[in-house]
Amino acid sequence: MQLRPLGSSGLLVSPICLGTMTFGTPVSEEEAIRLTHAAIDLGINFIDTANVYEGYARYLGSPGGIAEEIVGKALRDRRDRVILATKVAAPVGVGPQDRGLSAVHILRELDRSLKRLQTETIDLYIIHWPDRYVPLEVTLRAIDTAVRQGKIRYFGASNHSAWQLCEMLWLADRNQLPRAISSQIPFSLLRRELQNDLPFCQQHSIGVTPYQSLQGGLLAGKYRRGQPPPADSRAAEKPEWVWKQDDALFDRLEGVAELAAQASVPMSQYSLAWTLAQPAMSSLIVGVKNLEQIQHAIAAADLVIPAEHFPKLDAICPPPWRQPDPVRGGM
């Protein structure tokens, strides 16, 4: 795999990032450690986790920490081989300070994450969700404190739109505070709402690290119209985490599958390769349950989608509305 820059950080990351949301359940600790070691040995140098991840056991306000503990054990003798990312903001309890982007919550949870991950420094600390109750400057100053303490090297945002990223950049420049280097968004052929944000990220050197690039497994080619989901699929194991499967969805899935067959590649690799071809992409966060899924994802990094397929895919999975350009013509 050819490494890619992670925004303006100077870090180089593998185009496939090991996602750990399934660590704990259904992926046991022993198996998760084995998969993490295998991913590193295969060339993946980027691992993404979060303070709330604990597999399918997660619920709103659950304490989390399970995935971080597992990753910490897996990296005990491999820490210097990876770029490690984790997140903060989502609820980890029922108390008023158990969520959000206040300085109290960020700095407290950062120390807890460092302990669970068994590391002195987190390479990429990500604010998981926007917090409308906390001024963004307060959040950035807490991040600045953590950087000055040496507890984090860089920070990024997750689930933020381009206008929110723009405000972060403006506040950082105005107050000499750390600059966001990455944006983690839900993005796939089936979910393109933030497509028009990508050029902004490219222009401002913000590396995009999307999650759900296979849309909960829907783009993996395992679902068939009129058939029950496979027993080992997310739709069977955790149905509330997968979109409702109706005829309109299957029309799109079958259209993508047909183009993947024309390119003679598996649908999952084809879908990941399309995402990697979009502007500003640094690395795709791919959650896995077995070694074969890691190998398939890595193979996608070297695929090239035929140029004539892109307009066909736009017809099958339309991009969002884009402001017309009456001055220069076109869209």
Protein backbone atom coordinates (compact mmCIF):
# COMPACT_ATOMS: atom_id res chain seq x y z
CA MET A 1 0.00 0.00 0.00
CA GLN A 2 1.17 3.49 -0.83
CA LEU A 3 0.98 5.70 2.25
CA ARG A 4 -1.00 8.94 2.13
CA PRO A 5 -0.56 12.24 4.00
CA LEU A 6 -2.86 12.80 6.96
CA GLY A 7 -3.84 16.39 6.30
CA SER A 8 -1.16 18.95 7.09
CA SER A 9 0.38 16.92 9.93
CA GLY A 10 3.31 15.46 8.02
CA LEU A 11 2.16 12.00 9.12
CA LEU A 12 1.88 9.29 6.49
CA VAL A 13 -0.84 6.70 6.99
CA SER A 14 -1.96 3.57 5.23
CA PRO A 15 -5.02 4.10 3.00
CA ILE A 16 -6.83 1.51 5.12
CA CYS A 17 -7.25 2.23 8.83
CA LEU A 18 -8.16 -0.54 11.27
CA GLY A 19 -11.46 0.35 12.93
CA THR A 20 -12.12 -1.13 16.36
CA MET A 21 -15.81 -0.49 16.99
CA THR A 22 -16.52 -4.25 17.02
CA PHE A 23 -13.80 -5.04 19.57
CA GLY A 24 -15.34 -6.61 22.64
CA THR A 25 -18.48 -7.98 20.98
CA PRO A 26 -18.62 -9.72 18.52
CA VAL A 27 -14.79 -9.72 18.28
CA SER A 28 -13.35 -11.16 21.49
CA GLU A 29 -10.24 -9.69 23.11
CA GLU A 30 -8.03 -12.58 22.01
CA GLU A 31 -9.24 -12.40 18.41
CA ALA A 32 -9.05 -8.59 18.33
CA ILE A 33 -5.41 -8.67 19.41
CA ARG A 34 -4.65 -11.28 16.77
CA LEU A 35 -6.37 -9.20 14.07
CA THR A 36 -4.54 -6.05 15.16
CA HIS A 37 -1.18 -7.78 14.93
CA ALA A 38 -2.07 -9.23 11.53
CA ALA A 39 -3.17 -5.81 10.23
CA ILE A 40 0.13 -4.24 11.31
CA ASP A 41 2.12 -7.08 9.74
CA LEU A 42 0.18 -6.55 6.47
CA GLY A 43 1.15 -2.87 6.35
CA ILE A 44 -1.67 -1.06 8.15
CA ASN A 45 -0.10 1.64 10.32
CA PHE A 46 -3.24 3.55 11.35
CA ILE A 47 -5.62 2.39 14.11
CA ASP A 48 -8.83 4.17 15.10
CA THR A 49 -10.72 3.66 18.34
CA ALA A 50 -12.83 5.72 20.78
CA ASN A 51 -13.38 5.99 24.51
CA VAL A 52 -16.96 4.73 24.09
CA TYR A 53 -16.31 1.70 21.88
CA GLU A 54 -17.23 -1.67 23.35
CA GLY A 55 -18.69 -3.53 20.39
CA TYR A 56 -22.37 -4.37 20.12
CA ALA A 57 -22.74 -3.93 23.90
CA ARG A 58 -22.58 -0.16 23.46
CA TYR A 59 -25.63 1.92 24.35
CA LEU A 60 -26.18 5.65 24.92
CA GLY A 61 -24.27 6.56 28.06
CA SER A 62 -22.51 3.21 28.51
CA PRO A 63 -19.07 3.54 30.11
CA GLY A 64 -17.14 2.21 27.11
CA GLY A 65 -13.39 1.73 27.38
CA ILE A 66 -13.33 -1.91 26.25
CA ALA A 67 -11.90 -1.32 22.76
CA GLU A 68 -9.24 1.06 24.09
CA GLU A 69 -8.15 -1.52 26.67
CA ILE A 70 -7.87 -4.18 23.97
CA VAL A 71 -5.93 -1.88 21.63
CA GLY A 72 -3.60 -0.98 24.49
CA LYS A 73 -2.82 -4.65 25.07
CA ALA A 74 -2.38 -5.30 21.34
CA LEU A 75 0.08 -2.42 20.94
CA ARG A 76 2.10 -3.13 24.08
CA ASP A 77 5.20 -4.00 22.01
CA ARG A 78 4.13 -2.39 18.72
CA ARG A 79 3.21 1.16 19.71
CA ASP A 80 5.94 2.80 17.63
CA ARG A 81 4.68 1.11 14.46
CA VAL A 82 1.28 2.81 14.33
CA ILE A 83 -0.49 6.15 14.25
CA LEU A 84 -3.05 5.83 17.04
CA ALA A 85 -6.33 7.74 17.07
CA THR A 86 -9.05 7.87 19.69
CA LYS A 87 -12.05 10.11 20.38
CA VAL A 88 -13.88 12.09 23.04
CA ALA A 89 -17.34 13.73 23.45
CA ALA A 90 -19.88 10.90 23.37
CA PRO A 91 -21.67 10.07 26.65
CA VAL A 92 -19.79 7.76 29.03
CA GLY A 93 -22.27 8.04 31.90
CA VAL A 94 -25.37 9.87 33.09
CA GLY A 95 -23.72 12.81 34.87
CA PRO A 96 -23.61 16.34 33.42
CA GLN A 97 -19.82 16.18 32.97
CA ASP A 98 -19.91 12.71 31.44
CA ARG A 99 -20.24 13.96 27.87
CA GLY A 100 -19.42 16.80 25.54
CA LEU A 101 -16.49 19.04 24.75
CA SER A 102 -15.91 21.01 27.95
CA ALA A 103 -12.36 21.26 29.26
CA VAL A 104 -13.36 19.20 32.30
CA HIS A 105 -14.65 16.31 30.22
CA ILE A 106 -11.93 16.38 27.56
CA LEU A 107 -8.96 16.47 29.95
CA ARG A 108 -10.47 13.89 32.30
CA GLU A 109 -11.32 11.46 29.50
CA LEU A 110 -7.96 12.00 27.85
CA ASP A 111 -6.17 10.76 30.96
CA ARG A 112 -8.46 7.75 31.11
CA SER A 113 -7.83 6.96 27.44
CA LEU A 114 -4.07 7.23 27.89
CA LYS A 115 -4.23 4.77 30.78
CA ARG A 116 -6.37 2.26 28.89
CA LEU A 117 -4.24 2.54 25.75
CA GLN A 118 -1.04 2.14 27.81
CA THR A 119 0.63 5.04 26.04
CA GLU A 120 2.03 8.42 26.98
CA THR A 121 0.84 10.21 23.86
CA ILE A 122 -2.09 9.86 21.45
CA ASP A 123 -1.14 10.73 17.87
CA LEU A 124 -4.59 11.92 16.78
CA TYR A 125 -7.21 12.98 19.33
CA ILE A 126 -10.62 13.40 17.72
CA ILE A 127 -13.62 15.36 18.97
CA HIS A 128 -16.29 12.77 18.26
CA TRP A 129 -19.39 14.97 17.87
CA PRO A 130 -20.20 18.68 17.93
CA ASP A 131 -21.35 20.06 21.31
CA ARG A 132 -23.77 22.98 20.90
CA TYR A 133 -23.55 23.87 24.61
CA VAL A 134 -19.79 24.48 24.70
CA PRO A 135 -18.17 27.37 22.79
CA LEU A 136 -15.74 25.95 20.26
CA GLU A 137 -12.96 28.20 21.53
CA VAL A 138 -13.25 26.52 24.95
CA THR A 139 -12.80 23.14 23.30
CA LEU A 140 -9.80 24.29 21.28
CA ARG A 141 -8.13 25.72 24.38
CA ALA A 142 -8.54 22.36 26.13
CA ILE A 143 -6.97 20.68 23.11
CA ASP A 144 -4.16 23.24 23.25
CA THR A 145 -3.54 22.37 26.90
CA ALA A 146 -3.31 18.67 26.02
CA VAL A 147 -0.86 19.39 23.18
CA ARG A 148 1.34 21.52 25.44
CA GLN A 149 1.31 18.76 28.07
CA GLY A 150 2.53 16.31 25.43
CA LYS A 151 -0.50 14.07 25.81
CA ILE A 152 -1.64 14.46 22.19
CA ARG A 153 0.20 15.35 19.01
CA TYR A 154 -2.61 16.40 16.67
CA PHE A 155 -6.36 16.70 16.79
CA GLY A 156 -9.17 16.10 14.35
CA ALA A 157 -12.94 16.27 14.13
CA SER A 158 -15.59 13.64 13.57
CA ASN A 159 -19.16 14.17 12.33
CA HIS A 160 -18.53 17.86 11.64
CA SER A 161 -19.58 19.61 8.43
CA ALA A 162 -17.40 21.92 6.35
CA TRP A 163 -18.83 25.07 7.92
CA GLN A 164 -17.99 23.74 11.39
CA LEU A 165 -14.48 22.88 10.26
CA CYS A 166 -14.19 26.37 8.80
CA GLU A 167 -15.06 27.89 12.17
CA MET A 168 -12.41 25.72 13.83
CA LEU A 169 -9.76 26.88 11.37
CA TRP A 170 -10.75 30.52 11.82
CA LEU A 171 -10.63 30.31 15.63
CA ALA A 172 -7.32 28.47 15.52
CA ASP A 173 -5.74 31.11 13.28
CA ARG A 174 -7.22 33.98 15.28
CA ASN A 175 -6.11 32.67 18.68
CA GLN A 176 -2.98 30.70 17.74
CA LEU A 177 -4.58 27.42 18.76
CA PRO A 178 -4.08 23.91 17.32
CA ARG A 179 -5.48 23.34 13.84
CA ALA A 180 -7.69 20.38 12.96
CA ILE A 181 -5.83 18.07 10.59
CA SER A 182 -8.51 15.46 9.89
CA SER A 183 -12.23 15.00 9.38
CA GLN A 184 -13.95 11.69 10.09
CA ILE A 185 -17.36 11.56 8.42
CA PRO A 186 -19.88 8.90 7.44
CA PHE A 187 -19.32 8.52 3.72
CA SER A 188 -19.93 5.83 1.11
CA LEU A 189 -21.51 5.28 -2.29
CA LEU A 190 -24.81 4.96 -0.45
CA ARG A 191 -24.27 7.96 1.82
CA ARG A 192 -22.98 11.00 -0.01
CA GLU A 193 -24.56 13.89 1.91
CA LEU A 194 -21.13 15.37 2.69
CA GLN A 195 -19.71 14.92 -0.81
CA ASN A 196 -19.59 18.67 -1.41
CA ASP A 197 -17.54 19.18 1.77
CA LEU A 198 -14.60 17.22 0.34
CA PRO A 199 -13.17 20.03 -1.85
CA PHE A 200 -13.10 22.31 1.21
CA CYS A 201 -11.07 19.71 3.10
CA GLN A 202 -8.75 19.28 0.14
CA GLN A 203 -8.22 23.05 -0.19
CA HIS A 204 -7.40 23.43 3.52
CA SER A 205 -5.26 20.29 3.91
CA ILE A 206 -7.70 18.41 6.13
CA GLY A 207 -7.34 14.68 5.63
CA VAL A 208 -10.66 12.86 5.38
CA THR A 209 -10.86 9.50 7.15
CA PRO A 210 -14.42 8.30 6.51
CA TYR A 211 -16.21 5.57 8.38
CA GLN A 212 -19.02 3.33 7.10
CA SER A 213 -17.42 3.13 3.66
CA LEU A 214 -19.18 -0.22 3.25
CA GLN A 215 -22.31 1.16 4.93
CA GLY A 216 -22.59 -1.44 7.63
CA GLY A 217 -21.76 -4.24 5.19
CA LEU A 218 -24.45 -3.35 2.66
CA LEU A 219 -21.77 -2.68 0.04
CA ALA A 220 -19.91 -5.90 0.81
CA GLY A 221 -22.02 -7.89 -1.63
CA LYS A 222 -23.47 -10.25 0.95
CA TYR A 223 -27.13 -9.13 0.87
CA ARG A 224 -29.60 -10.39 -1.71
CA ARG A 225 -33.10 -9.21 -2.60
CA GLY A 226 -35.76 -11.44 -1.08
CA GLN A 227 -33.27 -13.41 1.03
CA PRO A 228 -32.60 -13.20 4.76
CA PRO A 229 -29.27 -11.65 5.77
CA PRO A 230 -26.37 -14.07 6.31
CA ALA A 231 -26.04 -15.33 9.88
CA ASP A 232 -22.68 -13.60 10.39
CA SER A 233 -23.77 -10.25 8.94
CA ARG A 234 -24.38 -7.07 10.93
CA ALA A 235 -28.02 -7.10 9.83
CA ALA A 236 -28.42 -10.45 11.60
CA GLU A 237 -26.26 -9.66 14.63
CA LYS A 238 -27.17 -6.00 15.24
CA PRO A 239 -30.09 -5.10 12.93
CA GLU A 240 -30.62 -1.63 14.44
CA TRP A 241 -27.16 -0.65 13.15
CA VAL A 242 -28.05 -1.40 9.50
CA TRP A 243 -30.35 0.47 7.13
CA LYS A 244 -33.75 -0.96 6.28
CA GLN A 245 -33.45 -3.11 3.18
CA ASP A 246 -36.13 -2.22 0.66
CA ASP A 247 -36.46 -2.42 -3.12
CA ALA A 248 -34.98 1.05 -3.66
CA LEU A 249 -31.85 0.05 -1.73
CA PHE A 250 -31.49 -3.22 -3.58
CA ASP A 251 -31.83 -1.39 -6.90
CA ARG A 252 -28.73 0.59 -5.98
CA LEU A 253 -26.85 -2.39 -4.58
CA GLU A 254 -27.50 -4.45 -7.68
CA GLY A 255 -26.39 -1.55 -9.90
CA VAL A 256 -23.10 -1.25 -8.03
CA ALA A 257 -22.63 -5.03 -8.06
CA GLU A 258 -23.06 -5.10 -11.83
CA LEU A 259 -20.36 -2.48 -12.36
CA ALA A 260 -18.04 -4.28 -9.93
CA ALA A 261 -18.55 -7.47 -11.93
CA GLN A 262 -17.67 -5.59 -15.13
CA ALA A 263 -14.43 -4.51 -13.45
CA SER A 264 -13.86 -8.13 -12.33
CA VAL A 265 -13.42 -7.21 -8.66
CA PRO A 266 -15.45 -8.00 -5.53
CA MET A 267 -18.14 -5.45 -4.72
CA SER A 268 -16.57 -4.62 -1.35
CA GLN A 269 -13.19 -3.76 -2.89
CA TYR A 270 -14.86 -1.82 -5.70
CA SER A 271 -16.82 0.27 -3.19
CA LEU A 272 -13.75 1.03 -1.10
CA ALA A 273 -11.69 1.90 -4.17
CA TRP A 274 -14.37 4.39 -5.27
CA THR A 275 -14.24 6.07 -1.87
CA LEU A 276 -10.44 6.27 -1.93
CA ALA A 277 -10.67 8.01 -5.31
CA GLN A 278 -12.66 10.92 -3.87
CA PRO A 279 -10.98 14.27 -3.00
CA ALA A 280 -9.04 14.70 0.25
CA MET A 281 -9.15 11.01 1.21
CA SER A 282 -6.36 9.98 3.57
CA SER A 283 -7.52 6.63 4.93
CA LEU A 284 -10.71 4.57 5.13
CA ILE A 285 -11.71 3.30 8.56
CA VAL A 286 -12.75 -0.30 8.07
CA GLY A 287 -14.19 -2.36 10.90
CA VAL A 288 -13.44 -6.07 10.60
CA LYS A 289 -14.32 -9.33 12.27
CA ASN A 290 -11.81 -11.64 10.55
CA LEU A 291 -8.49 -11.68 8.71
CA GLU A 292 -10.09 -12.13 5.31
CA GLN A 293 -11.87 -8.78 5.65
CA ILE A 294 -8.55 -7.07 6.39
CA GLN A 295 -6.96 -8.66 3.34
CA HIS A 296 -9.88 -7.66 1.12
CA ALA A 297 -9.73 -4.07 2.32
CA ILE A 298 -5.98 -3.84 1.72
CA ALA A 299 -6.41 -5.17 -1.82
CA ALA A 300 -8.85 -2.31 -2.53
CA ALA A 301 -6.11 0.25 -1.95
CA ASP A 302 -4.44 -0.68 -5.23
CA LEU A 303 -7.58 -0.84 -7.37
CA VAL A 304 -8.34 1.78 -10.01
CA ILE A 305 -11.98 2.34 -10.92
CA PRO A 306 -12.44 2.72 -14.71
CA ALA A 307 -13.03 6.39 -15.56
CA GLU A 308 -16.25 5.62 -17.41
CA HIS A 309 -17.73 4.05 -14.25
CA PHE A 310 -17.86 7.28 -12.24
CA PRO A 311 -20.80 8.89 -14.11
CA LYS A 312 -22.59 5.53 -14.07
CA LEU A 313 -22.16 5.33 -10.31
CA ASP A 314 -23.45 8.89 -9.99
CA ALA A 315 -26.59 7.79 -11.80
CA ILE A 316 -27.05 4.79 -9.50
CA CYS A 317 -26.08 6.57 -6.26
CA PRO A 318 -26.70 10.27 -6.94
CA PRO A 319 -24.50 12.89 -5.29
CA PRO A 320 -26.17 15.71 -3.31
CA TRP A 321 -27.38 18.93 -4.87
CA ARG A 322 -24.59 21.26 -5.88
CA GLN A 323 -24.89 24.96 -6.57
CA PRO A 324 -24.93 25.61 -10.33
CA ASP A 325 -22.28 27.81 -11.92
CA PRO A 326 -23.91 30.21 -14.41
CA VAL A 327 -20.64 32.15 -14.67
CA ARG A 328 -18.37 29.32 -15.79
CA GLY A 329 -21.02 26.85 -16.86
CA GLY A 330 -21.88 23.41 -15.58
CA MET A 331 -22.07 22.36 -11.96
